[in-house]
């Protein structure tokens, strides 16, 4: 009976890690879609190349 309890704990731990990993990736995708990176006004420039 102890083997079954250990196996259940192992399966639960692996499931937790898989869900955590997949959730992290999904969270990053959603964040990138709805919170795009914006540049500060100073760094954008006026489009004139001044080398």
Protein backbone atom coordinates (compact mmCIF):
# COMPACT_ATOMS: atom_id res chain seq x y z
CA UNK A 1 0.00 0.00 0.00
CA UNK A 2 2.93 2.36 0.64
CA UNK A 3 4.11 1.94 -2.97
CA UNK A 4 0.78 3.27 -4.24
CA UNK A 5 1.05 6.38 -2.04
CA UNK A 6 4.58 7.09 -3.28
CA UNK A 7 3.51 6.61 -6.90
CA UNK A 8 0.57 8.98 -6.41
CA UNK A 9 2.88 11.61 -4.95
CA UNK A 10 5.31 11.21 -7.83
CA UNK A 11 2.54 11.54 -10.41
CA UNK A 12 1.16 14.60 -8.60
CA UNK A 13 4.61 16.23 -8.52
CA UNK A 14 5.23 15.57 -12.22
CA UNK A 15 1.77 16.85 -13.13
CA UNK A 16 2.37 20.01 -11.08
CA UNK A 17 5.67 20.68 -12.87
CA UNK A 18 4.15 20.14 -16.31
CA UNK A 19 1.23 22.46 -15.57
CA UNK A 20 3.59 25.05 -14.11
CA UNK A 21 5.81 24.92 -17.21
CA UNK A 22 2.91 25.14 -19.66
CA UNK A 23 1.26 27.91 -17.68
CA UNK A 24 4.47 29.95 -17.74
CA UNK A 25 4.67 29.80 -21.52
CA UNK A 26 1.01 30.66 -21.96
CA UNK A 27 1.33 33.57 -19.55
CA UNK A 28 4.26 35.01 -21.51
CA UNK A 29 2.39 34.73 -24.81
CA UNK A 30 -0.68 36.49 -23.45
CA UNK A 31 1.40 39.20 -21.78
CA UNK A 32 3.33 39.84 -24.99
CA UNK A 33 0.11 40.08 -27.00
CA UNK A 34 -1.70 42.52 -24.70
CA UNK A 35 1.30 44.47 -23.37
CA UNK A 36 3.53 45.25 -26.35
CA UNK A 37 6.89 46.82 -25.67
CA UNK A 38 6.85 50.54 -26.34
CA UNK A 39 9.88 52.74 -26.85
CA UNK A 40 10.23 56.02 -24.98
CA UNK A 41 9.67 59.12 -27.13
CA UNK A 42 13.33 60.14 -26.85
CA UNK A 43 14.59 56.93 -28.46
CA UNK A 44 12.19 56.89 -31.41
CA UNK A 45 13.70 59.83 -33.33
CA UNK A 46 12.30 61.62 -36.33
CA UNK A 47 13.45 59.18 -39.00
CA UNK A 48 16.38 61.29 -40.22
CA UNK A 49 19.70 59.46 -40.31
CA UNK A 50 22.30 61.79 -38.74
CA UNK A 51 25.57 59.84 -38.95
